[in-house]
Amino acid sequence: MQLRLAKLGLVLAVAIMGATLTIPVHAQAASAAEAAAMVKARTKGRVLGVRTVETQGRRTYRVKVLTSKGVMRTVNVQHRSR
């Protein structure tokens, strides 16, 4: 419980400061375009860019989005094999 509250405090502090925040999304996409469309629909924001990152053999799409409230966020979407 304390760890969850500490994470919430960090999220709120980062959001207030307007910094970039990484939000893991439990979703999968087969392509960078699909990841961007998914993030755009979920955040109702403007996608600024998508990067494909491979870590420990796992591909992830990092989607940078500007939310409707003007906050820049980075959302990680796992790659899904077609």
C-alpha atoms as a PDB file:
ATOM      1  CA  MET A   1       0.000   0.000   0.000  1.00  0.00           C
ATOM      2  CA  GLN A   2       2.803   2.429   0.884  1.00  0.00           C
ATOM      3  CA  LEU A   3       4.587   1.682  -2.392  1.00  0.00           C
ATOM      4  CA  ARG A   4       1.376   2.306  -4.339  1.00  0.00           C
ATOM      5  CA  LEU A   5       0.914   5.668  -2.581  1.00  0.00           C
ATOM      6  CA  ALA A   6       4.550   6.565  -3.245  1.00  0.00           C
ATOM      7  CA  LYS A   7       4.083   5.823  -6.956  1.00  0.00           C
ATOM      8  CA  LEU A   8       0.901   7.895  -7.013  1.00  0.00           C
ATOM      9  CA  GLY A   9       2.753  10.782  -5.362  1.00  0.00           C
ATOM     10  CA  LEU A  10       5.515  10.549  -7.968  1.00  0.00           C
ATOM     11  CA  VAL A  11       2.982  10.494 -10.801  1.00  0.00           C
ATOM     12  CA  LEU A  12       1.218  13.548  -9.412  1.00  0.00           C
ATOM     13  CA  ALA A  13       4.486  15.402  -8.844  1.00  0.00           C
ATOM     14  CA  VAL A  14       5.672  14.701 -12.382  1.00  0.00           C
ATOM     15  CA  ALA A  15       2.298  15.669 -13.860  1.00  0.00           C
ATOM     16  CA  ILE A  16       2.268  18.956 -11.976  1.00  0.00           C
ATOM     17  CA  MET A  17       5.801  19.764 -13.127  1.00  0.00           C
ATOM     18  CA  GLY A  18       4.831  19.052 -16.748  1.00  0.00           C
ATOM     19  CA  ALA A  19       7.627  16.535 -17.291  1.00  0.00           C
ATOM     20  CA  THR A  20       7.451  13.512 -19.543  1.00  0.00           C
ATOM     21  CA  LEU A  21       5.910  10.516 -17.819  1.00  0.00           C
ATOM     22  CA  THR A  22       6.201   6.916 -18.978  1.00  0.00           C
ATOM     23  CA  ILE A  23       2.974   5.006 -18.640  1.00  0.00           C
ATOM     24  CA  PRO A  24       3.028   1.270 -19.299  1.00  0.00           C
ATOM     25  CA  VAL A  25      -0.087   0.225 -21.173  1.00  0.00           C
ATOM     26  CA  HIS A  26      -1.206  -3.409 -21.041  1.00  0.00           C
ATOM     27  CA  ALA A  27      -1.858  -3.526 -24.753  1.00  0.00           C
ATOM     28  CA  GLN A  28      -0.137  -4.983 -27.764  1.00  0.00           C
ATOM     29  CA  ALA A  29       0.258  -3.714 -31.305  1.00  0.00           C
ATOM     30  CA  ALA A  30       1.543  -5.377 -34.484  1.00  0.00           C
ATOM     31  CA  SER A  31       3.063  -2.168 -35.888  1.00  0.00           C
ATOM     32  CA  ALA A  32       4.214   1.306 -34.899  1.00  0.00           C
ATOM     33  CA  ALA A  33       1.211   2.798 -36.733  1.00  0.00           C
ATOM     34  CA  GLU A  34      -1.193   0.569 -34.781  1.00  0.00           C
ATOM     35  CA  ALA A  35       0.502   1.533 -31.505  1.00  0.00           C
ATOM     36  CA  ALA A  36       0.187   5.244 -32.365  1.00  0.00           C
ATOM     37  CA  ALA A  37      -3.501   4.885 -33.251  1.00  0.00           C
ATOM     38  CA  MET A  38      -4.178   2.964 -30.032  1.00  0.00           C
ATOM     39  CA  VAL A  39      -2.458   5.589 -27.859  1.00  0.00           C
ATOM     40  CA  LYS A  40      -4.172   8.450 -29.685  1.00  0.00           C
ATOM     41  CA  ALA A  41      -7.584   6.857 -29.080  1.00  0.00           C
ATOM     42  CA  ARG A  42      -6.904   6.132 -25.398  1.00  0.00           C
ATOM     43  CA  THR A  43      -5.385   9.506 -24.495  1.00  0.00           C
ATOM     44  CA  LYS A  44      -7.375  11.701 -26.897  1.00  0.00           C
ATOM     45  CA  GLY A  45      -4.098  13.488 -27.525  1.00  0.00           C
ATOM     46  CA  ARG A  46      -1.778  14.278 -30.408  1.00  0.00           C
ATOM     47  CA  VAL A  47       0.919  11.719 -31.229  1.00  0.00           C
ATOM     48  CA  LEU A  48       4.302  13.424 -31.574  1.00  0.00           C
ATOM     49  CA  GLY A  49       6.365  10.391 -32.502  1.00  0.00           C
ATOM     50  CA  VAL A  50       6.878   6.635 -32.241  1.00  0.00           C
ATOM     51  CA  ARG A  51      10.148   4.784 -31.593  1.00  0.00           C
ATOM     52  CA  THR A  52      10.717   1.050 -31.744  1.00  0.00           C
ATOM     53  CA  VAL A  53      12.929  -0.174 -28.906  1.00  0.00           C
ATOM     54  CA  GLU A  54      14.211  -3.707 -28.379  1.00  0.00           C
ATOM     55  CA  THR A  55      15.267  -4.704 -24.864  1.00  0.00           C
ATOM     56  CA  GLN A  56      16.198  -8.244 -23.869  1.00  0.00           C
ATOM     57  CA  GLY A  57      14.703  -9.587 -27.091  1.00  0.00           C
ATOM     58  CA  ARG A  58      11.353  -7.853 -26.577  1.00  0.00           C
ATOM     59  CA  ARG A  59      10.167  -5.175 -28.974  1.00  0.00           C
ATOM     60  CA  THR A  60       8.287  -2.202 -27.546  1.00  0.00           C
ATOM     61  CA  TYR A  61       6.831   0.860 -29.247  1.00  0.00           C
ATOM     62  CA  ARG A  62       7.402   4.103 -27.340  1.00  0.00           C
ATOM     63  CA  VAL A  63       4.721   6.571 -28.334  1.00  0.00           C
ATOM     64  CA  LYS A  64       5.229  10.194 -27.339  1.00  0.00           C
ATOM     65  CA  VAL A  65       1.893  11.996 -27.041  1.00  0.00           C
ATOM     66  CA  LEU A  66       0.726  15.484 -26.073  1.00  0.00           C
ATOM     67  CA  THR A  67      -2.480  15.121 -24.070  1.00  0.00           C
ATOM     68  CA  SER A  68      -5.470  17.413 -24.422  1.00  0.00           C
ATOM     69  CA  LYS A  69      -4.345  19.034 -21.135  1.00  0.00           C
ATOM     70  CA  GLY A  70      -0.954  19.923 -22.644  1.00  0.00           C
ATOM     71  CA  VAL A  71       1.077  17.263 -20.809  1.00  0.00           C
ATOM     72  CA  MET A  72       3.684  15.298 -22.765  1.00  0.00           C
ATOM     73  CA  ARG A  73       3.648  11.574 -21.992  1.00  0.00           C
ATOM     74  CA  THR A  74       5.474   8.525 -23.243  1.00  0.00           C
ATOM     75  CA  VAL A  75       3.363   5.390 -23.516  1.00  0.00           C
ATOM     76  CA  ASN A  76       4.977   1.956 -23.941  1.00  0.00           C
ATOM     77  CA  VAL A  77       3.073  -0.552 -26.075  1.00  0.00           C
ATOM     78  CA  GLN A  78       4.350  -4.120 -26.410  1.00  0.00           C
ATOM     79  CA  HIS A  79       4.863  -5.594 -29.869  1.00  0.00           C
ATOM     80  CA  ARG A  80       2.493  -8.363 -30.918  1.00  0.00           C
ATOM     81  CA  SER A  81       3.514 -10.881 -33.568  1.00  0.00           C
ATOM     82  CA  ARG A  82       1.158 -10.963 -36.527  1.00  0.00           C
END
